[in-house]
Amino acid sequence: MTLPLPSLEMLAAVVVAFLAGACCPTYYATERLRGFGRATFAKIPYQPPPGMDREEAM
């Protein structure tokens, strides 16, 4: 069984993404990902366990 070869456009997109990631400083990329995670998880409603305050549970 042979796997199909990726298209030229897909290969170009992977190379561009790799080069963009390689040029980005690690600390900058980490801060952007942390910010994205904070923004994403801030939208999820939080319900503390029964008998606990919200601040105490967090």
N, C-alpha and C. Protein backbone atom coordinates (compact mmCIF):
# COMPACT_ATOMS: atom_id res chain seq x y z
N MET A 1 0.85 -1.17 0.00
CA MET A 1 0.00 0.00 0.00
C MET A 1 0.89 1.24 0.00
N THR A 2 0.68 2.12 -0.93
CA THR A 2 1.46 3.35 -0.99
C THR A 2 0.58 4.53 -0.59
N LEU A 3 1.19 5.47 0.06
CA LEU A 3 0.48 6.68 0.47
C LEU A 3 0.54 7.70 -0.65
N PRO A 4 -0.52 8.47 -0.83
CA PRO A 4 -0.49 9.49 -1.88
C PRO A 4 0.50 10.60 -1.52
N LEU A 5 1.12 11.16 -2.50
CA LEU A 5 2.06 12.26 -2.27
C LEU A 5 1.29 13.54 -2.01
N PRO A 6 1.81 14.42 -1.13
CA PRO A 6 1.12 15.68 -0.88
C PRO A 6 1.22 16.59 -2.10
N SER A 7 0.23 17.46 -2.24
CA SER A 7 0.23 18.38 -3.37
C SER A 7 1.34 19.43 -3.18
N LEU A 8 1.68 20.08 -4.23
CA LEU A 8 2.73 21.10 -4.18
C LEU A 8 2.30 22.27 -3.29
N GLU A 9 1.02 22.62 -3.33
CA GLU A 9 0.52 23.71 -2.49
C GLU A 9 0.64 23.36 -1.00
N MET A 10 0.32 22.11 -0.65
CA MET A 10 0.42 21.70 0.74
C MET A 10 1.87 21.70 1.20
N LEU A 11 2.75 21.22 0.37
CA LEU A 11 4.17 21.21 0.71
C LEU A 11 4.69 22.64 0.89
N ALA A 12 4.27 23.55 0.03
CA ALA A 12 4.69 24.95 0.14
C ALA A 12 4.16 25.57 1.44
N ALA A 13 2.92 25.25 1.81
CA ALA A 13 2.35 25.79 3.05
C ALA A 13 3.11 25.28 4.26
N VAL A 14 3.51 24.03 4.25
CA VAL A 14 4.27 23.45 5.36
C VAL A 14 5.64 24.12 5.46
N VAL A 15 6.29 24.35 4.35
CA VAL A 15 7.61 24.99 4.36
C VAL A 15 7.50 26.42 4.86
N VAL A 16 6.49 27.16 4.41
CA VAL A 16 6.30 28.55 4.86
C VAL A 16 6.02 28.58 6.36
N ALA A 17 5.16 27.67 6.84
CA ALA A 17 4.86 27.62 8.28
C ALA A 17 6.11 27.27 9.08
N PHE A 18 6.93 26.35 8.58
CA PHE A 18 8.16 26.00 9.28
C PHE A 18 9.11 27.19 9.35
N LEU A 19 9.28 27.89 8.24
CA LEU A 19 10.18 29.04 8.23
C LEU A 19 9.66 30.16 9.13
N ALA A 20 8.36 30.38 9.15
CA ALA A 20 7.80 31.41 10.04
C ALA A 20 8.03 31.02 11.49
N GLY A 21 7.86 29.76 11.82
CA GLY A 21 8.11 29.31 13.19
C GLY A 21 9.57 29.37 13.56
N ALA A 22 10.45 29.09 12.62
CA ALA A 22 11.88 29.13 12.89
C ALA A 22 12.38 30.56 13.09
N CYS A 23 11.72 31.53 12.46
CA CYS A 23 12.14 32.93 12.59
C CYS A 23 11.58 33.61 13.82
N CYS A 24 10.59 33.01 14.44
CA CYS A 24 9.92 33.61 15.59
C CYS A 24 10.69 33.26 16.86
N PRO A 25 11.02 34.26 17.69
CA PRO A 25 11.70 33.96 18.95
C PRO A 25 10.82 33.09 19.84
N THR A 26 11.42 32.17 20.55
CA THR A 26 10.67 31.21 21.36
C THR A 26 9.83 31.89 22.43
N TYR A 27 10.40 32.88 23.12
CA TYR A 27 9.64 33.54 24.19
C TYR A 27 8.42 34.26 23.64
N TYR A 28 8.54 34.83 22.45
CA TYR A 28 7.41 35.54 21.84
C TYR A 28 6.30 34.55 21.49
N ALA A 29 6.68 33.44 20.88
CA ALA A 29 5.69 32.43 20.50
C ALA A 29 5.01 31.85 21.74
N THR A 30 5.76 31.61 22.79
CA THR A 30 5.19 31.07 24.02
C THR A 30 4.18 32.04 24.62
N GLU A 31 4.51 33.32 24.64
CA GLU A 31 3.58 34.31 25.18
C GLU A 31 2.31 34.39 24.34
N ARG A 32 2.42 34.29 23.03
CA ARG A 32 1.23 34.32 22.17
C ARG A 32 0.35 33.10 22.44
N LEU A 33 0.95 31.93 22.60
CA LEU A 33 0.17 30.73 22.88
C LEU A 33 -0.50 30.81 24.26
N ARG A 34 0.21 31.34 25.24
CA ARG A 34 -0.38 31.49 26.58
C ARG A 34 -1.56 32.45 26.53
N GLY A 35 -1.42 33.53 25.80
CA GLY A 35 -2.51 34.49 25.66
C GLY A 35 -3.71 33.88 24.97
N PHE A 36 -3.47 33.07 23.95
CA PHE A 36 -4.55 32.39 23.26
C PHE A 36 -5.26 31.42 24.21
N GLY A 37 -4.48 30.71 25.02
CA GLY A 37 -5.07 29.77 25.98
C GLY A 37 -5.91 30.50 27.02
N ARG A 38 -5.41 31.62 27.51
CA ARG A 38 -6.17 32.39 28.50
C ARG A 38 -7.48 32.89 27.91
N ALA A 39 -7.42 33.40 26.68
CA ALA A 39 -8.63 33.91 26.04
C ALA A 39 -9.63 32.79 25.77
N THR A 40 -9.14 31.62 25.43
CA THR A 40 -10.02 30.49 25.15
C THR A 40 -10.67 29.97 26.42
N PHE A 41 -9.87 29.75 27.46
CA PHE A 41 -10.41 29.19 28.69
C PHE A 41 -11.24 30.20 29.49
N ALA A 42 -11.07 31.49 29.24
CA ALA A 42 -11.87 32.49 29.93
C ALA A 42 -13.34 32.42 29.51
N LYS A 43 -13.61 31.86 28.33
CA LYS A 43 -14.97 31.76 27.83
C LYS A 43 -15.71 30.54 28.38
N ILE A 44 -15.01 29.62 29.00
CA ILE A 44 -15.63 28.42 29.54
C ILE A 44 -16.18 28.74 30.93
N PRO A 45 -17.49 28.52 31.16
CA PRO A 45 -18.03 28.80 32.49
C PRO A 45 -17.47 27.83 33.52
N TYR A 46 -17.22 28.35 34.71
CA TYR A 46 -16.64 27.53 35.77
C TYR A 46 -17.64 27.40 36.90
N GLN A 47 -17.87 26.20 37.34
CA GLN A 47 -18.75 25.92 38.46
C GLN A 47 -17.93 25.24 39.54
N PRO A 48 -17.76 25.87 40.72
CA PRO A 48 -16.97 25.23 41.78
C PRO A 48 -17.68 24.01 42.34
N PRO A 49 -16.95 23.09 42.96
CA PRO A 49 -17.58 21.93 43.58
C PRO A 49 -18.53 22.37 44.70
N PRO A 50 -19.54 21.58 45.02
CA PRO A 50 -20.49 21.96 46.08
C PRO A 50 -19.77 22.19 47.40
N GLY A 51 -20.13 23.26 48.08
CA GLY A 51 -19.56 23.57 49.39
C GLY A 51 -18.30 24.40 49.35
N MET A 52 -17.84 24.82 48.16
CA MET A 52 -16.62 25.62 48.05
C MET A 52 -16.92 26.93 47.37
N ASP A 53 -16.21 27.99 47.81
CA ASP A 53 -16.30 29.27 47.12
C ASP A 53 -15.53 29.19 45.81
N ARG A 54 -15.87 30.08 44.89
CA ARG A 54 -15.18 30.08 43.60
C ARG A 54 -13.69 30.37 43.76
N GLU A 55 -13.32 31.35 44.59
CA GLU A 55 -11.90 31.69 44.78
C GLU A 55 -11.16 30.57 45.48
N GLU A 56 -11.83 29.89 46.41
CA GLU A 56 -11.20 28.79 47.13
C GLU A 56 -10.96 27.60 46.21
N ALA A 57 -11.89 27.34 45.28
CA ALA A 57 -11.76 26.20 44.39
C ALA A 57 -10.68 26.42 43.34
N MET A 58 -10.47 27.66 42.96
CA MET A 58 -9.48 27.93 41.92
C MET A 58 -8.12 27.89 42.54
